[in-house]
N, C-alpha and C. Protein backbone atom coordinates (compact mmCIF):
# COMPACT_ATOMS: atom_id res chain seq x y z
N MET A 1 6.06 -7.67 28.78
CA MET A 1 4.74 -6.95 29.04
C MET A 1 5.22 -6.18 30.29
N PHE A 2 6.05 -7.13 31.39
CA PHE A 2 6.28 -5.72 32.44
C PHE A 2 6.58 -4.82 32.30
N ALA A 3 7.86 -4.57 31.79
CA ALA A 3 7.85 -3.41 31.04
C ALA A 3 6.92 -2.27 30.37
N ALA A 4 5.75 -2.80 29.85
CA ALA A 4 4.72 -2.08 28.99
C ALA A 4 4.19 -2.14 30.19
N ASP A 5 3.59 -2.55 31.20
CA ASP A 5 3.07 -2.54 32.43
C ASP A 5 3.36 -1.51 33.35
N ARG A 6 4.81 -1.07 33.35
CA ARG A 6 5.13 -0.48 34.41
C ARG A 6 5.37 1.39 33.29
N ALA A 7 5.65 1.17 32.33
CA ALA A 7 5.74 2.38 31.52
C ALA A 7 4.33 2.78 31.32
N THR A 8 3.34 2.40 31.09
CA THR A 8 2.18 3.03 30.67
C THR A 8 1.34 2.46 32.29
N THR A 9 -0.07 3.08 31.92
CA THR A 9 -1.00 3.30 32.84
C THR A 9 -2.02 2.39 32.35
N LEU A 10 -1.77 1.91 31.45
CA LEU A 10 -2.55 0.56 30.86
C LEU A 10 -2.56 -0.49 31.42
N PRO A 11 -4.36 -0.58 32.17
CA PRO A 11 -4.33 -1.88 33.09
C PRO A 11 -4.62 -3.36 32.46
N PHE A 12 -4.54 -3.54 30.83
CA PHE A 12 -4.74 -4.84 30.65
C PHE A 12 -3.56 -5.22 29.82
N ALA A 13 -2.15 -4.91 29.76
CA ALA A 13 -1.08 -5.22 28.98
C ALA A 13 -1.10 -6.52 29.78
N TRP A 14 -1.13 -6.76 31.02
CA TRP A 14 -0.68 -8.60 30.99
C TRP A 14 -2.07 -9.67 30.32
N TYR A 15 -2.56 -8.62 30.47
CA TYR A 15 -4.18 -9.41 29.69
C TYR A 15 -3.67 -9.90 27.74
N ALA A 16 -3.17 -9.03 27.50
CA ALA A 16 -2.82 -8.98 26.01
C ALA A 16 -1.79 -10.18 25.59
N ALA A 17 -0.55 -10.25 26.68
CA ALA A 17 0.20 -11.29 26.79
C ALA A 17 -0.43 -12.21 26.74
N ALA A 18 -1.74 -12.38 27.50
CA ALA A 18 -1.82 -14.10 28.01
C ALA A 18 -2.80 -14.52 26.83
N VAL A 19 -3.54 -13.17 26.13
CA VAL A 19 -4.37 -13.67 25.03
C VAL A 19 -2.99 -14.00 23.83
N LEU A 20 -2.22 -13.68 23.66
CA LEU A 20 -1.40 -13.50 21.86
C LEU A 20 -0.44 -14.63 22.69
N LEU A 21 -0.48 -15.02 23.68
CA LEU A 21 0.57 -16.08 24.27
C LEU A 21 -0.06 -17.59 23.13
N PRO A 22 -1.29 -17.87 22.99
CA PRO A 22 -0.78 -19.37 22.55
C PRO A 22 -1.17 -19.18 21.18
N ALA A 23 -1.46 -18.00 20.79
CA ALA A 23 -0.96 -18.25 19.14
C ALA A 23 0.19 -18.00 18.65
N ALA A 24 1.37 -17.75 19.54
CA ALA A 24 2.45 -17.60 19.15
C ALA A 24 2.99 -18.75 18.79
N PRO A 25 2.85 -20.38 18.92
CA PRO A 25 3.35 -21.60 18.21
C PRO A 25 2.43 -21.85 16.84
N VAL A 26 1.43 -21.44 16.84
CA VAL A 26 0.70 -21.43 15.91
C VAL A 26 1.30 -20.74 14.53
N ALA A 27 1.62 -19.29 14.53
CA ALA A 27 2.02 -18.63 13.80
C ALA A 27 3.27 -18.80 13.69
N ALA A 28 4.40 -19.38 14.74
CA ALA A 28 5.71 -19.88 14.22
C ALA A 28 5.73 -21.09 13.08
N HIS A 29 4.81 -22.09 13.27
CA HIS A 29 4.65 -23.72 12.29
C HIS A 29 3.63 -23.08 11.22
N LEU A 30 2.86 -21.93 10.68
CA LEU A 30 2.90 -21.90 9.54
C LEU A 30 3.63 -20.92 8.89
N LYS A 31 4.76 -19.88 9.63
CA LYS A 31 5.99 -19.52 8.64
C LYS A 31 6.87 -20.82 8.76
N TRP A 32 7.45 -21.38 9.44
CA TRP A 32 8.19 -22.77 8.62
C TRP A 32 7.60 -23.53 7.98
N ALA A 33 5.99 -23.92 7.71
CA ALA A 33 5.44 -24.52 7.09
C ALA A 33 5.36 -23.91 5.60
N ASN A 34 5.15 -22.78 5.29
CA ASN A 34 5.43 -22.16 4.10
C ASN A 34 6.97 -21.59 3.71
N LEU A 35 8.25 -21.87 3.97
CA LEU A 35 9.07 -22.01 3.51
C LEU A 35 9.49 -23.11 2.50
N GLY A 36 10.18 -22.39 1.30
CA GLY A 36 10.17 -23.10 0.11
C GLY A 36 11.30 -22.78 -0.71
N TYR A 37 11.79 -23.76 -1.77
CA TYR A 37 12.53 -23.60 -2.87
C TYR A 37 12.41 -24.13 -4.02
N ASP A 38 12.88 -24.06 -4.58
CA ASP A 38 12.92 -24.76 -6.02
C ASP A 38 13.94 -24.56 -7.23
N VAL A 39 14.15 -25.68 -7.79
CA VAL A 39 15.33 -25.06 -8.58
C VAL A 39 14.68 -25.17 -9.98
N GLN A 40 15.07 -24.17 -10.92
CA GLN A 40 14.58 -24.17 -12.29
C GLN A 40 15.68 -24.31 -12.89
N PRO A 41 15.49 -24.62 -14.49
CA PRO A 41 17.01 -24.51 -15.64
C PRO A 41 17.31 -23.28 -15.67
N GLU A 42 16.50 -22.18 -15.34
CA GLU A 42 17.31 -20.75 -15.38
C GLU A 42 17.12 -19.78 -14.46
N TYR A 43 16.55 -20.36 -13.44
CA TYR A 43 16.17 -19.75 -12.20
C TYR A 43 16.47 -20.61 -11.10
N VAL A 44 16.71 -19.74 -9.62
CA VAL A 44 16.04 -20.60 -8.62
C VAL A 44 14.92 -19.41 -7.40
N VAL A 45 13.96 -20.19 -7.41
CA VAL A 45 12.95 -19.18 -6.45
C VAL A 45 12.94 -19.48 -5.06
N LEU A 46 13.08 -18.77 -4.07
CA LEU A 46 13.15 -19.18 -3.19
C LEU A 46 11.74 -18.18 -2.62
N ARG A 47 11.33 -19.10 -1.02
CA ARG A 47 9.95 -18.33 -0.82
C ARG A 47 10.09 -18.47 1.19
N GLU A 48 9.47 -17.75 1.12
CA GLU A 48 9.43 -17.10 2.98
C GLU A 48 8.16 -16.87 3.40
N GLY A 49 8.31 -16.79 4.86
CA GLY A 49 6.86 -15.97 5.12
C GLY A 49 5.49 -16.66 4.97
N PHE A 50 4.51 -16.35 6.08
CA PHE A 50 3.08 -16.90 6.26
C PHE A 50 2.15 -15.44 5.79
N TRP A 51 2.62 -13.98 7.04
CA TRP A 51 1.75 -13.22 7.25
C TRP A 51 2.19 -12.39 5.41
N THR A 52 3.47 -12.31 5.61
CA THR A 52 4.34 -11.45 4.63
C THR A 52 4.99 -12.62 3.58
N ARG A 53 4.14 -12.68 2.65
CA ARG A 53 4.87 -13.52 1.62
C ARG A 53 6.14 -13.39 1.00
N THR A 54 7.28 -13.98 0.88
CA THR A 54 8.15 -13.03 -0.44
C THR A 54 8.63 -14.11 -0.73
N THR A 55 8.61 -13.91 -2.29
CA THR A 55 8.50 -15.17 -3.50
C THR A 55 9.72 -14.38 -3.85
N THR A 56 11.10 -14.94 -4.45
CA THR A 56 12.68 -14.45 -4.90
C THR A 56 12.56 -15.71 -5.88
N VAL A 57 12.49 -15.11 -7.50
CA VAL A 57 13.13 -15.41 -8.51
C VAL A 57 14.24 -14.75 -9.04
N VAL A 58 15.27 -15.54 -8.74
CA VAL A 58 16.65 -15.04 -9.34
C VAL A 58 17.03 -16.36 -9.93
N PRO A 59 17.62 -15.13 -11.26
CA PRO A 59 17.93 -15.79 -12.85
C PRO A 59 19.81 -16.08 -12.37
N TYR A 60 20.07 -17.27 -12.70
CA TYR A 60 21.30 -17.49 -12.53
C TYR A 60 22.50 -16.72 -12.47
N TYR A 61 22.42 -15.92 -14.23
CA TYR A 61 23.17 -14.55 -14.49
C TYR A 61 23.28 -13.64 -13.39
N ARG A 62 22.15 -13.47 -12.01
CA ARG A 62 22.21 -12.61 -11.37
C ARG A 62 23.01 -13.07 -10.08
N VAL A 63 23.06 -13.67 -10.12
CA VAL A 63 24.01 -14.20 -8.32
C VAL A 63 25.30 -13.52 -9.01
N GLN A 64 25.79 -13.69 -7.62
CA GLN A 64 27.05 -13.02 -7.26
C GLN A 64 27.82 -13.72 -6.20
N THR A 65 27.14 -14.14 -5.11
CA THR A 65 27.56 -15.38 -4.72
C THR A 65 26.52 -16.39 -3.87
N VAL A 66 27.07 -17.45 -3.45
CA VAL A 66 26.05 -18.78 -2.79
C VAL A 66 26.48 -19.11 -1.68
N LEU A 67 26.13 -18.65 -0.36
CA LEU A 67 26.46 -19.50 0.73
C LEU A 67 25.59 -20.30 1.11
N ASP A 68 26.16 -21.43 2.06
CA ASP A 68 25.17 -21.37 3.38
C ASP A 68 25.79 -21.72 4.63
N SER A 69 25.06 -20.99 5.72
CA SER A 69 25.61 -20.55 6.92
C SER A 69 24.60 -21.07 7.61
N ARG A 70 24.99 -22.08 9.21
CA ARG A 70 24.18 -22.49 10.27
C ARG A 70 24.70 -21.35 11.65
N THR A 71 23.49 -21.59 12.08
CA THR A 71 23.31 -21.08 13.53
C THR A 71 23.81 -22.01 13.98
N VAL A 72 23.74 -21.79 15.74
CA VAL A 72 23.91 -22.71 16.89
C VAL A 72 22.68 -23.70 16.70
N PHE A 73 21.53 -23.02 16.82
CA PHE A 73 20.18 -23.57 16.72
C PHE A 73 20.16 -24.57 15.35
N GLN A 74 20.45 -24.24 14.24
CA GLN A 74 20.48 -25.06 13.69
C GLN A 74 21.30 -26.29 13.32
N ARG A 75 22.72 -26.02 13.66
CA ARG A 75 23.49 -26.91 14.26
C ARG A 75 22.71 -28.16 14.71
N ARG A 76 22.08 -27.64 15.50
CA ARG A 76 21.53 -28.71 16.38
C ARG A 76 20.75 -29.74 16.22
N ARG A 77 19.75 -29.57 14.86
CA ARG A 77 18.66 -29.79 13.86
C ARG A 77 19.06 -30.71 12.53
N ASP A 78 20.52 -30.19 12.38
CA ASP A 78 21.39 -30.26 11.32
C ASP A 78 20.92 -29.37 10.20
N LEU A 79 20.72 -28.50 10.08
CA LEU A 79 19.65 -27.49 9.60
C LEU A 79 20.70 -25.87 9.21
N ALA A 80 20.42 -25.80 7.66
CA ALA A 80 20.90 -24.48 7.14
C ALA A 80 20.27 -23.50 6.82
N THR A 81 21.08 -22.76 6.46
CA THR A 81 20.70 -21.24 5.42
C THR A 81 21.40 -21.32 3.96
N LEU A 82 20.61 -21.08 3.14
CA LEU A 82 21.32 -20.98 2.18
C LEU A 82 20.73 -19.65 1.33
N VAL A 83 21.65 -18.48 1.43
CA VAL A 83 21.49 -17.31 0.51
C VAL A 83 22.27 -17.03 -0.21
N VAL A 84 21.60 -16.95 -1.30
CA VAL A 84 21.81 -16.44 -2.79
C VAL A 84 21.66 -14.97 -3.46
N ASP A 85 23.18 -14.29 -2.83
CA ASP A 85 23.64 -13.11 -3.03
C ASP A 85 23.27 -12.23 -4.35
N THR A 86 22.20 -11.40 -4.83
CA THR A 86 22.69 -10.41 -5.95
C THR A 86 22.95 -8.85 -5.80
N ALA A 87 23.33 -8.14 -6.61
CA ALA A 87 23.89 -7.15 -6.72
C ALA A 87 22.66 -6.28 -6.13
N GLY A 88 21.41 -6.16 -6.28
CA GLY A 88 20.63 -5.92 -6.01
C GLY A 88 19.72 -6.09 -4.32
N THR A 89 20.15 -6.43 -3.95
CA THR A 89 20.09 -6.99 -2.17
C THR A 89 20.78 -6.57 -1.46
N SER A 90 19.96 -6.07 -0.33
CA SER A 90 21.18 -5.28 0.76
C SER A 90 21.01 -6.28 1.35
N GLY A 91 22.69 -6.35 2.33
CA GLY A 91 22.72 -7.36 3.09
C GLY A 91 22.84 -6.86 4.74
N LEU A 92 22.37 -5.52 4.69
CA LEU A 92 22.27 -4.65 5.84
C LEU A 92 21.10 -5.11 6.65
N THR A 93 20.10 -5.24 5.75
CA THR A 93 18.63 -4.99 6.47
C THR A 93 17.90 -6.77 5.94
N GLY A 94 19.30 -7.61 5.68
CA GLY A 94 18.99 -8.81 5.89
C GLY A 94 17.42 -9.22 4.52
N GLY A 95 17.69 -8.95 3.49
CA GLY A 95 17.09 -8.80 2.37
C GLY A 95 17.49 -9.74 1.00
N GLN A 96 18.08 -10.25 1.48
CA GLN A 96 18.63 -11.01 0.24
C GLN A 96 17.99 -12.36 0.30
N PRO A 97 17.69 -12.57 -0.69
CA PRO A 97 17.21 -14.22 -1.25
C PRO A 97 17.76 -15.43 -0.21
N ARG A 98 16.99 -15.99 0.47
CA ARG A 98 17.37 -17.18 1.02
C ARG A 98 16.51 -18.75 1.28
N ALA A 99 17.10 -19.46 1.41
CA ALA A 99 15.89 -20.89 1.46
C ALA A 99 16.48 -20.95 3.29
N LEU A 100 15.60 -21.32 4.15
CA LEU A 100 15.51 -21.44 5.91
C LEU A 100 15.52 -22.27 6.29
N ASP A 101 16.58 -23.03 6.77
CA ASP A 101 16.01 -24.15 7.76
C ASP A 101 16.15 -25.51 6.72
N ILE A 102 16.61 -25.54 5.60
CA ILE A 102 16.36 -26.50 4.60
C ILE A 102 17.80 -27.61 5.51
N ASP A 103 17.86 -28.70 5.18
CA ASP A 103 18.82 -29.70 5.73
C ASP A 103 20.03 -29.65 5.03
N ALA A 104 21.26 -29.24 6.23
CA ALA A 104 22.27 -28.87 6.09
C ALA A 104 22.99 -29.83 4.29
N GLU A 105 22.64 -31.14 4.17
CA GLU A 105 23.86 -31.66 3.31
C GLU A 105 22.97 -31.20 1.96
N ARG A 106 21.43 -30.97 1.51
CA ARG A 106 21.19 -30.61 0.64
C ARG A 106 21.85 -29.09 0.52
N ALA A 107 21.29 -28.17 1.16
CA ALA A 107 22.24 -26.92 1.51
C ALA A 107 23.37 -27.03 0.92
N ALA A 108 24.09 -27.69 1.03
CA ALA A 108 25.47 -28.02 0.59
C ALA A 108 25.31 -28.07 -1.17
N ASP A 109 24.54 -29.17 -1.29
CA ASP A 109 24.40 -29.61 -2.56
C ASP A 109 23.61 -28.58 -3.75
N LEU A 110 22.59 -27.69 -2.90
CA LEU A 110 22.22 -26.72 -3.65
C LEU A 110 22.90 -25.18 -4.14
N ARG A 111 23.74 -25.52 -2.60
CA ARG A 111 24.83 -24.70 -3.29
C ARG A 111 25.40 -24.60 -4.47
N ARG A 112 26.42 -25.77 -4.10
CA ARG A 112 26.88 -26.12 -5.72
C ARG A 112 26.23 -26.55 -6.94
N THR A 113 24.89 -26.92 -7.05
CA THR A 113 24.10 -26.32 -7.78
C THR A 113 24.24 -25.11 -8.81
N VAL A 114 23.57 -24.57 -7.40
CA VAL A 114 23.61 -22.52 -8.39
C VAL A 114 25.07 -22.01 -8.56
N ALA A 115 25.73 -22.81 -7.80
CA ALA A 115 27.01 -22.17 -8.24
C ALA A 115 27.67 -22.36 -10.16
N ASP A 116 27.13 -23.76 -9.96
CA ASP A 116 27.70 -24.89 -11.51
C ASP A 116 26.54 -23.79 -12.31
N ARG A 117 25.53 -23.91 -12.20
CA ARG A 117 24.55 -23.28 -13.22
C ARG A 117 25.06 -21.44 -13.40
N LEU A 118 25.48 -20.98 -12.62
CA LEU A 118 25.46 -19.98 -12.71
C LEU A 118 26.84 -20.02 -13.56
N GLN A 119 27.89 -20.63 -13.30
CA GLN A 119 29.22 -20.88 -14.50
C GLN A 119 28.88 -20.97 -15.68
N ALA A 120 27.92 -21.87 -16.05
CA ALA A 120 27.15 -22.90 -17.10
C ALA A 120 26.67 -21.43 -17.76
N GLU A 121 25.45 -21.01 -17.11
CA GLU A 121 25.15 -19.61 -17.73
C GLU A 121 25.91 -18.57 -18.44
N LEU A 122 26.73 -18.43 -16.97
CA LEU A 122 27.51 -16.98 -17.97
C LEU A 122 28.69 -17.71 -19.23
N ALA A 123 29.03 -18.75 -18.91
CA ALA A 123 29.75 -19.28 -20.64
C ALA A 123 28.81 -19.08 -21.72
N ARG A 124 27.58 -19.76 -21.22
CA ARG A 124 26.33 -19.36 -22.39
C ARG A 124 26.13 -17.97 -22.83
N ARG A 125 26.07 -17.30 -22.18
CA ARG A 125 25.58 -15.97 -22.68
C ARG A 125 27.09 -15.55 -22.97
N ARG A 126 28.11 -15.65 -22.16
CA ARG A 126 29.26 -14.94 -23.51
C ARG A 126 29.38 -15.78 -24.95
N ASP A 127 29.40 -17.01 -25.23
CA ASP A 127 29.28 -17.73 -26.31
C ASP A 127 28.39 -16.99 -27.03
N GLU A 128 27.08 -16.42 -26.96
CA GLU A 128 26.32 -15.77 -27.48
C GLU A 128 26.39 -14.97 -28.16
N ARG A 129 27.25 -13.79 -27.20
CA ARG A 129 27.55 -12.41 -27.42
C ARG A 129 28.65 -12.33 -28.81
N ARG A 130 29.57 -13.84 -28.29
CA ARG A 130 30.75 -13.55 -29.08
C ARG A 130 30.22 -13.95 -30.88
N ARG A 131 28.91 -14.66 -30.62
CA ARG A 131 28.35 -15.39 -32.23
C ARG A 131 27.73 -14.10 -32.89
N GLU A 132 27.47 -13.44 -31.71
CA GLU A 132 26.45 -11.96 -31.92
C GLU A 132 27.44 -11.26 -32.99
N ARG A 133 28.83 -10.68 -32.09
CA ARG A 133 29.57 -9.79 -32.77
C ARG A 133 30.33 -10.37 -34.26
N ILE A 134 30.53 -12.06 -34.18
CA ILE A 134 30.95 -12.61 -35.72
C ILE A 134 29.70 -12.26 -36.87
N ARG A 135 28.43 -12.18 -36.17
CA ARG A 135 27.71 -11.97 -37.12
C ARG A 135 27.58 -10.94 -37.53
N SER A 136 27.44 -9.84 -36.78
CA SER A 136 27.67 -8.01 -37.01
C SER A 136 29.34 -7.68 -37.90
N ILE A 137 30.01 -8.75 -37.55
CA ILE A 137 31.00 -8.21 -38.76
C ILE A 137 31.52 -8.69 -39.91
N GLU A 138 30.59 -9.77 -40.02
CA GLU A 138 30.57 -10.65 -41.27
C GLU A 138 29.48 -9.64 -41.96
N SER A 139 28.21 -8.46 -41.62
CA SER A 139 27.29 -8.38 -42.32
C SER A 139 28.05 -7.52 -43.11
N ALA A 140 28.69 -6.47 -41.93
CA ALA A 140 29.73 -5.15 -42.24
C ALA A 140 30.23 -5.62 -43.18
N THR A 141 30.88 -6.72 -43.46
CA THR A 141 32.15 -6.71 -44.53
C THR A 141 31.15 -7.20 -45.21
N ALA A 142 30.09 -8.23 -45.54
CA ALA A 142 29.38 -8.08 -46.50
C ALA A 142 28.75 -7.10 -47.05
N ASP A 143 28.22 -6.15 -46.14
CA ASP A 143 27.64 -4.89 -46.57
C ASP A 143 29.29 -3.80 -47.35
N ALA A 144 30.25 -4.01 -47.15
CA ALA A 144 31.17 -3.04 -47.36
C ALA A 144 31.82 -3.19 -48.87
N ALA A 145 31.64 -4.71 -48.72
CA ALA A 145 31.93 -5.32 -50.04
C ALA A 145 31.00 -5.39 -51.43
N ALA A 146 29.92 -5.33 -50.99
CA ALA A 146 28.39 -5.22 -52.31
C ALA A 146 28.49 -3.76 -52.41
């Protein structure tokens, strides 16, 4: 605010900071209270934000990588961030689906769960495609015999 006061001729720049500063802890708590995740049989749901809420539903077959990371501040509180990366998310802008500030042990369990369900879903889809190909071959063979 000092830089804004010096760079502009606005006499009320310091007063704006004084008014907005008490609202910062309330806004931070609301943002933290609205973080969440849910593991479903076919997808994982990740939610974050209060002012601009983002709810992301990621089917397991769309997952490319799952990783948990910890910042210096998260290590002090034994917290972690779980990132569920898909092909459509942009890693440079931070738009990837993530579960922020969850217990570090729970993040590791969640990472393993999502990775295991990804492998199970891929195996199920592969078997389904294989059965479909066999049915189409049998159907073509029956049509050729008739």
